[in-house]
Amino acid sequence: MDNQVPYAVIDPDYSPVQVAAILARRAQELAKPLEETTQGRLLHLLAFQLGRERYAIDVAHVLEIYAPQPITLVPRTPDFVVGIFNARGRFLSVIDLPVVLGLPGRSQPATCQIVVVQVAGIEVGFLADVVEDVLMLFDVEIEPPLTAVSDDMAPFIRGVAPGLRAILDLNTLFHHKRLIVYEEL
């Protein structure tokens, strides 16, 4: 009974002891830390689409992703503010990244997912036409930004990931003077 592996599918060509040894060896291999010195730092990026363009952001900023939600328009807000929505009892602003980035067209709030991020103490949602996946890649795999990027967008692009995804730098984006709203009393 000691030699049997619980909950394992046992191949008839291997004894339970051999299966246990194989699984133990695999567990040891998986438990080894990634070698950051030779391959760079491992990044986790959330990949999404805005129209036909593909982007990615660091998942460290992502708090939640919502299916399309009703968004309430707020009068007298900047053109990049779509409105507000109820995120589990909290009202959060929703921004339209194509407008912020100077891209043509606007997102369609009724069909877009809302990605809630937190950057520099600010919690806000932005519209994404499609949230694709979480990518794991090493920082050495990131190419420099394309030179053809518009001047409006260039400061916000950290680089280009495989699959031609522009990696947005949310820290720079959320500190941009256009996104800072001053209220006069």
C-alpha atoms as a PDB file:
ATOM      1  CA  MET A   1       0.000   0.000   0.000  1.00  0.00           C
ATOM      2  CA  ASP A   2       2.941   2.367   0.647  1.00  0.00           C
ATOM      3  CA  ASN A   3       4.105   2.093  -2.960  1.00  0.00           C
ATOM      4  CA  GLN A   4       0.813   3.190  -4.527  1.00  0.00           C
ATOM      5  CA  VAL A   5       0.304   6.727  -5.755  1.00  0.00           C
ATOM      6  CA  PRO A   6      -3.119   8.077  -4.738  1.00  0.00           C
ATOM      7  CA  TYR A   7      -5.241   9.760  -7.422  1.00  0.00           C
ATOM      8  CA  ALA A   8      -2.806   8.937 -10.230  1.00  0.00           C
ATOM      9  CA  VAL A   9      -3.567   7.237 -13.497  1.00  0.00           C
ATOM     10  CA  ILE A  10      -1.086   4.416 -13.644  1.00  0.00           C
ATOM     11  CA  ASP A  11       0.273   3.302 -16.986  1.00  0.00           C
ATOM     12  CA  PRO A  12       0.351  -0.511 -17.173  1.00  0.00           C
ATOM     13  CA  ASP A  13       3.952  -0.314 -18.446  1.00  0.00           C
ATOM     14  CA  TYR A  14       5.138   1.265 -15.175  1.00  0.00           C
ATOM     15  CA  SER A  15       4.932   0.021 -11.641  1.00  0.00           C
ATOM     16  CA  PRO A  16       3.495   2.299  -8.948  1.00  0.00           C
ATOM     17  CA  VAL A  17       7.033   2.833  -7.646  1.00  0.00           C
ATOM     18  CA  GLN A  18       8.239   3.952 -11.098  1.00  0.00           C
ATOM     19  CA  VAL A  19       5.263   6.310 -11.449  1.00  0.00           C
ATOM     20  CA  ALA A  20       5.995   7.794  -8.017  1.00  0.00           C
ATOM     21  CA  ALA A  21       9.639   8.329  -8.997  1.00  0.00           C
ATOM     22  CA  ILE A  22       8.644  10.023 -12.279  1.00  0.00           C
ATOM     23  CA  LEU A  23       6.194  12.323 -10.497  1.00  0.00           C
ATOM     24  CA  ALA A  24       8.757  13.171  -7.804  1.00  0.00           C
ATOM     25  CA  ARG A  25      11.351  14.037 -10.469  1.00  0.00           C
ATOM     26  CA  ARG A  26       8.841  16.247 -12.305  1.00  0.00           C
ATOM     27  CA  ALA A  27       7.896  17.994  -9.065  1.00  0.00           C
ATOM     28  CA  GLN A  28      11.565  18.751  -8.374  1.00  0.00           C
ATOM     29  CA  GLU A  29      12.010  20.217 -11.858  1.00  0.00           C
ATOM     30  CA  LEU A  30       8.908  22.392 -11.513  1.00  0.00           C
ATOM     31  CA  ALA A  31       9.983  23.587  -8.057  1.00  0.00           C
ATOM     32  CA  LYS A  32      13.266  25.017  -9.328  1.00  0.00           C
ATOM     33  CA  PRO A  33      13.281  28.834  -9.527  1.00  0.00           C
ATOM     34  CA  LEU A  34      13.514  30.374 -12.976  1.00  0.00           C
ATOM     35  CA  GLU A  35      16.994  31.424 -13.922  1.00  0.00           C
ATOM     36  CA  GLU A  36      16.624  35.170 -14.162  1.00  0.00           C
ATOM     37  CA  THR A  37      20.269  35.817 -14.882  1.00  0.00           C
ATOM     38  CA  THR A  38      20.324  34.053 -18.227  1.00  0.00           C
ATOM     39  CA  GLN A  39      16.821  34.763 -19.480  1.00  0.00           C
ATOM     40  CA  GLY A  40      15.992  38.113 -17.903  1.00  0.00           C
ATOM     41  CA  ARG A  41      13.146  39.030 -15.607  1.00  0.00           C
ATOM     42  CA  LEU A  42       9.838  37.223 -16.086  1.00  0.00           C
ATOM     43  CA  LEU A  43       6.936  39.550 -16.904  1.00  0.00           C
ATOM     44  CA  HIS A  44       3.217  38.856 -16.645  1.00  0.00           C
ATOM     45  CA  LEU A  45       1.188  40.953 -19.057  1.00  0.00           C
ATOM     46  CA  LEU A  46      -2.547  41.209 -19.667  1.00  0.00           C
ATOM     47  CA  ALA A  47      -3.143  41.172 -23.430  1.00  0.00           C
ATOM     48  CA  PHE A  48      -6.180  42.974 -24.851  1.00  0.00           C
ATOM     49  CA  GLN A  49      -7.490  44.589 -28.011  1.00  0.00           C
ATOM     50  CA  LEU A  50      -8.624  48.119 -28.752  1.00  0.00           C
ATOM     51  CA  GLY A  51     -10.290  47.919 -32.129  1.00  0.00           C
ATOM     52  CA  ARG A  52      -7.894  45.990 -34.354  1.00  0.00           C
ATOM     53  CA  GLU A  53      -4.826  46.986 -32.344  1.00  0.00           C
ATOM     54  CA  ARG A  54      -3.274  44.709 -29.717  1.00  0.00           C
ATOM     55  CA  TYR A  55      -1.883  45.923 -26.395  1.00  0.00           C
ATOM     56  CA  ALA A  56      -0.600  44.588 -23.101  1.00  0.00           C
ATOM     57  CA  ILE A  57      -0.191  45.967 -19.578  1.00  0.00           C
ATOM     58  CA  ASP A  58       1.560  44.697 -16.471  1.00  0.00           C
ATOM     59  CA  VAL A  59      -0.874  42.482 -14.526  1.00  0.00           C
ATOM     60  CA  ALA A  60       0.426  43.975 -11.274  1.00  0.00           C
ATOM     61  CA  HIS A  61      -1.866  46.943 -12.007  1.00  0.00           C
ATOM     62  CA  VAL A  62      -4.973  44.867 -12.800  1.00  0.00           C
ATOM     63  CA  LEU A  63      -7.529  44.494 -10.019  1.00  0.00           C
ATOM     64  CA  GLU A  64     -10.557  43.069 -11.829  1.00  0.00           C
ATOM     65  CA  ILE A  65     -12.036  42.493 -15.261  1.00  0.00           C
ATOM     66  CA  TYR A  66     -15.772  42.980 -15.783  1.00  0.00           C
ATOM     67  CA  ALA A  67     -18.057  41.821 -18.557  1.00  0.00           C
ATOM     68  CA  PRO A  68     -19.855  44.695 -20.320  1.00  0.00           C
ATOM     69  CA  GLN A  69     -21.585  46.808 -17.675  1.00  0.00           C
ATOM     70  CA  PRO A  70     -24.062  49.676 -17.755  1.00  0.00           C
ATOM     71  CA  ILE A  71     -22.091  52.926 -17.706  1.00  0.00           C
ATOM     72  CA  THR A  72     -23.633  56.158 -16.489  1.00  0.00           C
ATOM     73  CA  LEU A  73     -22.618  59.290 -18.373  1.00  0.00           C
ATOM     74  CA  VAL A  74     -21.320  62.133 -16.249  1.00  0.00           C
ATOM     75  CA  PRO A  75     -21.816  65.677 -17.556  1.00  0.00           C
ATOM     76  CA  ARG A  76     -18.903  68.088 -17.904  1.00  0.00           C
ATOM     77  CA  THR A  77     -16.165  65.454 -17.952  1.00  0.00           C
ATOM     78  CA  PRO A  78     -13.205  65.320 -20.336  1.00  0.00           C
ATOM     79  CA  ASP A  79     -13.757  63.604 -23.685  1.00  0.00           C
ATOM     80  CA  PHE A  80     -11.793  60.510 -22.636  1.00  0.00           C
ATOM     81  CA  VAL A  81     -14.129  59.806 -19.687  1.00  0.00           C
ATOM     82  CA  VAL A  82     -16.884  57.455 -20.799  1.00  0.00           C
ATOM     83  CA  GLY A  83     -18.706  57.664 -17.463  1.00  0.00           C
ATOM     84  CA  ILE A  84     -18.902  55.736 -14.205  1.00  0.00           C
ATOM     85  CA  PHE A  85     -19.983  52.212 -13.319  1.00  0.00           C
ATOM     86  CA  ASN A  86     -20.786  50.324 -10.152  1.00  0.00           C
ATOM     87  CA  ALA A  87     -17.934  47.964  -9.267  1.00  0.00           C
ATOM     88  CA  ARG A  88     -19.265  45.996  -6.304  1.00  0.00           C
ATOM     89  CA  GLY A  89     -20.597  49.060  -4.524  1.00  0.00           C
ATOM     90  CA  ARG A  90     -17.784  51.420  -5.589  1.00  0.00           C
ATOM     91  CA  PHE A  91     -18.346  53.925  -8.355  1.00  0.00           C
ATOM     92  CA  LEU A  92     -15.347  54.016 -10.667  1.00  0.00           C
ATOM     93  CA  SER A  93     -14.603  56.226 -13.628  1.00  0.00           C
ATOM     94  CA  VAL A  94     -14.234  54.520 -16.993  1.00  0.00           C
ATOM     95  CA  ILE A  95     -11.878  55.934 -19.586  1.00  0.00           C
ATOM     96  CA  ASP A  96     -11.618  55.292 -23.299  1.00  0.00           C
ATOM     97  CA  LEU A  97      -7.965  54.509 -24.091  1.00  0.00           C
ATOM     98  CA  PRO A  98      -8.217  55.159 -27.849  1.00  0.00           C
ATOM     99  CA  VAL A  99      -9.155  58.766 -27.063  1.00  0.00           C
ATOM    100  CA  VAL A 100      -6.323  59.100 -24.521  1.00  0.00           C
ATOM    101  CA  LEU A 101      -3.801  57.568 -26.922  1.00  0.00           C
ATOM    102  CA  GLY A 102      -4.945  59.661 -29.872  1.00  0.00           C
ATOM    103  CA  LEU A 103      -6.184  56.655 -31.857  1.00  0.00           C
ATOM    104  CA  PRO A 104      -8.977  56.953 -34.405  1.00  0.00           C
ATOM    105  CA  GLY A 105     -12.438  55.822 -33.314  1.00  0.00           C
ATOM    106  CA  ARG A 106     -13.975  55.246 -29.943  1.00  0.00           C
ATOM    107  CA  SER A 107     -14.768  52.093 -28.014  1.00  0.00           C
ATOM    108  CA  GLN A 108     -18.357  50.857 -27.837  1.00  0.00           C
ATOM    109  CA  PRO A 109     -19.138  50.705 -24.084  1.00  0.00           C
ATOM    110  CA  ALA A 110     -22.106  48.352 -24.520  1.00  0.00           C
ATOM    111  CA  THR A 111     -19.878  45.574 -25.885  1.00  0.00           C
ATOM    112  CA  CYS A 112     -16.548  46.261 -24.162  1.00  0.00           C
ATOM    113  CA  GLN A 113     -15.110  44.620 -21.100  1.00  0.00           C
ATOM    114  CA  ILE A 114     -13.985  46.917 -18.304  1.00  0.00           C
ATOM    115  CA  VAL A 115     -10.477  46.381 -16.960  1.00  0.00           C
ATOM    116  CA  VAL A 116     -10.088  47.925 -13.506  1.00  0.00           C
ATOM    117  CA  VAL A 117      -6.537  48.982 -12.742  1.00  0.00           C
ATOM    118  CA  GLN A 118      -4.779  50.743  -9.923  1.00  0.00           C
ATOM    119  CA  VAL A 119      -1.880  53.023 -10.728  1.00  0.00           C
ATOM    120  CA  ALA A 120      -0.287  55.611  -8.448  1.00  0.00           C
ATOM    121  CA  GLY A 121      -3.132  55.284  -5.962  1.00  0.00           C
ATOM    122  CA  ILE A 122      -5.764  55.872  -8.641  1.00  0.00           C
ATOM    123  CA  GLU A 123      -8.348  53.159  -9.266  1.00  0.00           C
ATOM    124  CA  VAL A 124     -10.048  53.446 -12.642  1.00  0.00           C
ATOM    125  CA  GLY A 125     -11.544  51.267 -15.350  1.00  0.00           C
ATOM    126  CA  PHE A 126     -10.800  51.341 -19.040  1.00  0.00           C
ATOM    127  CA  LEU A 127     -12.648  49.803 -21.950  1.00  0.00           C
ATOM    128  CA  ALA A 128     -11.151  46.860 -23.835  1.00  0.00           C
ATOM    129  CA  ASP A 129     -12.852  45.406 -26.884  1.00  0.00           C
ATOM    130  CA  VAL A 130     -11.433  41.954 -26.085  1.00  0.00           C
ATOM    131  CA  VAL A 131      -9.367  40.778 -23.127  1.00  0.00           C
ATOM    132  CA  GLU A 132      -7.272  38.001 -24.634  1.00  0.00           C
ATOM    133  CA  ASP A 133      -4.967  36.341 -22.153  1.00  0.00           C
ATOM    134  CA  VAL A 134      -2.153  36.704 -19.646  1.00  0.00           C
ATOM    135  CA  LEU A 135       1.231  36.496 -21.352  1.00  0.00           C
ATOM    136  CA  MET A 136       4.381  35.363 -19.599  1.00  0.00           C
ATOM    137  CA  LEU A 137       7.598  36.454 -21.232  1.00  0.00           C
ATOM    138  CA  PHE A 138      11.055  37.587 -20.319  1.00  0.00           C
ATOM    139  CA  ASP A 139      11.936  41.260 -20.487  1.00  0.00           C
ATOM    140  CA  VAL A 140      14.701  40.481 -23.000  1.00  0.00           C
ATOM    141  CA  GLU A 141      11.976  39.415 -25.473  1.00  0.00           C
ATOM    142  CA  ILE A 142      10.566  42.950 -25.582  1.00  0.00           C
ATOM    143  CA  GLU A 143      11.549  44.958 -28.630  1.00  0.00           C
ATOM    144  CA  PRO A 144      11.941  48.756 -28.549  1.00  0.00           C
ATOM    145  CA  PRO A 145       8.888  50.800 -29.566  1.00  0.00           C
ATOM    146  CA  LEU A 146       8.311  51.287 -33.266  1.00  0.00           C
ATOM    147  CA  THR A 147       9.528  54.585 -34.679  1.00  0.00           C
ATOM    148  CA  ALA A 148       6.256  54.984 -36.590  1.00  0.00           C
ATOM    149  CA  VAL A 149       4.294  55.489 -33.352  1.00  0.00           C
ATOM    150  CA  SER A 150       2.544  58.868 -33.194  1.00  0.00           C
ATOM    151  CA  ASP A 151       3.966  61.576 -30.939  1.00  0.00           C
ATOM    152  CA  ASP A 152       0.783  61.455 -28.810  1.00  0.00           C
ATOM    153  CA  MET A 153       1.263  57.780 -28.080  1.00  0.00           C
ATOM    154  CA  ALA A 154       5.061  57.382 -27.988  1.00  0.00           C
ATOM    155  CA  PRO A 155       5.598  58.290 -24.296  1.00  0.00           C
ATOM    156  CA  PHE A 156       3.169  55.590 -23.198  1.00  0.00           C
ATOM    157  CA  ILE A 157       4.706  52.661 -25.105  1.00  0.00           C
ATOM    158  CA  ARG A 158       7.234  50.645 -23.123  1.00  0.00           C
ATOM    159  CA  GLY A 159       8.041  48.306 -25.980  1.00  0.00           C
ATOM    160  CA  VAL A 160       6.614  45.681 -28.286  1.00  0.00           C
ATOM    161  CA  ALA A 161       5.922  42.113 -27.143  1.00  0.00           C
ATOM    162  CA  PRO A 162       5.903  39.101 -29.444  1.00  0.00           C
ATOM    163  CA  GLY A 163       2.749  39.095 -31.533  1.00  0.00           C
ATOM    164  CA  LEU A 164       3.139  42.846 -32.172  1.00  0.00           C
ATOM    165  CA  ARG A 165       1.475  43.895 -28.922  1.00  0.00           C
ATOM    166  CA  ALA A 166       2.367  47.377 -27.769  1.00  0.00           C
ATOM    167  CA  ILE A 167       3.121  47.282 -24.039  1.00  0.00           C
ATOM    168  CA  LEU A 168       1.597  50.330 -22.364  1.00  0.00           C
ATOM    169  CA  ASP A 169       3.378  52.027 -19.481  1.00  0.00           C
ATOM    170  CA  LEU A 170       0.437  52.811 -17.178  1.00  0.00           C
ATOM    171  CA  ASN A 171       2.593  54.789 -14.735  1.00  0.00           C
ATOM    172  CA  THR A 172       3.544  57.264 -17.449  1.00  0.00           C
ATOM    173  CA  LEU A 173       0.015  57.276 -18.866  1.00  0.00           C
ATOM    174  CA  PHE A 174      -1.676  58.041 -15.538  1.00  0.00           C
ATOM    175  CA  HIS A 175       0.805  60.814 -14.747  1.00  0.00           C
ATOM    176  CA  HIS A 176       0.248  62.531 -18.085  1.00  0.00           C
ATOM    177  CA  LYS A 177      -1.045  66.102 -17.778  1.00  0.00           C
ATOM    178  CA  ARG A 178      -4.054  65.306 -19.981  1.00  0.00           C
ATOM    179  CA  LEU A 179      -5.381  62.773 -17.466  1.00  0.00           C
ATOM    180  CA  ILE A 180      -4.943  65.024 -14.454  1.00  0.00           C
ATOM    181  CA  VAL A 181      -8.186  66.901 -13.896  1.00  0.00           C
ATOM    182  CA  TYR A 182      -7.924  70.081 -11.856  1.00  0.00           C
ATOM    183  CA  GLU A 183     -10.977  71.222 -10.031  1.00  0.00           C
ATOM    184  CA  GLU A 184     -11.408  74.900  -9.273  1.00  0.00           C
ATOM    185  CA  LEU A 185     -13.545  75.789  -6.276  1.00  0.00           C
END
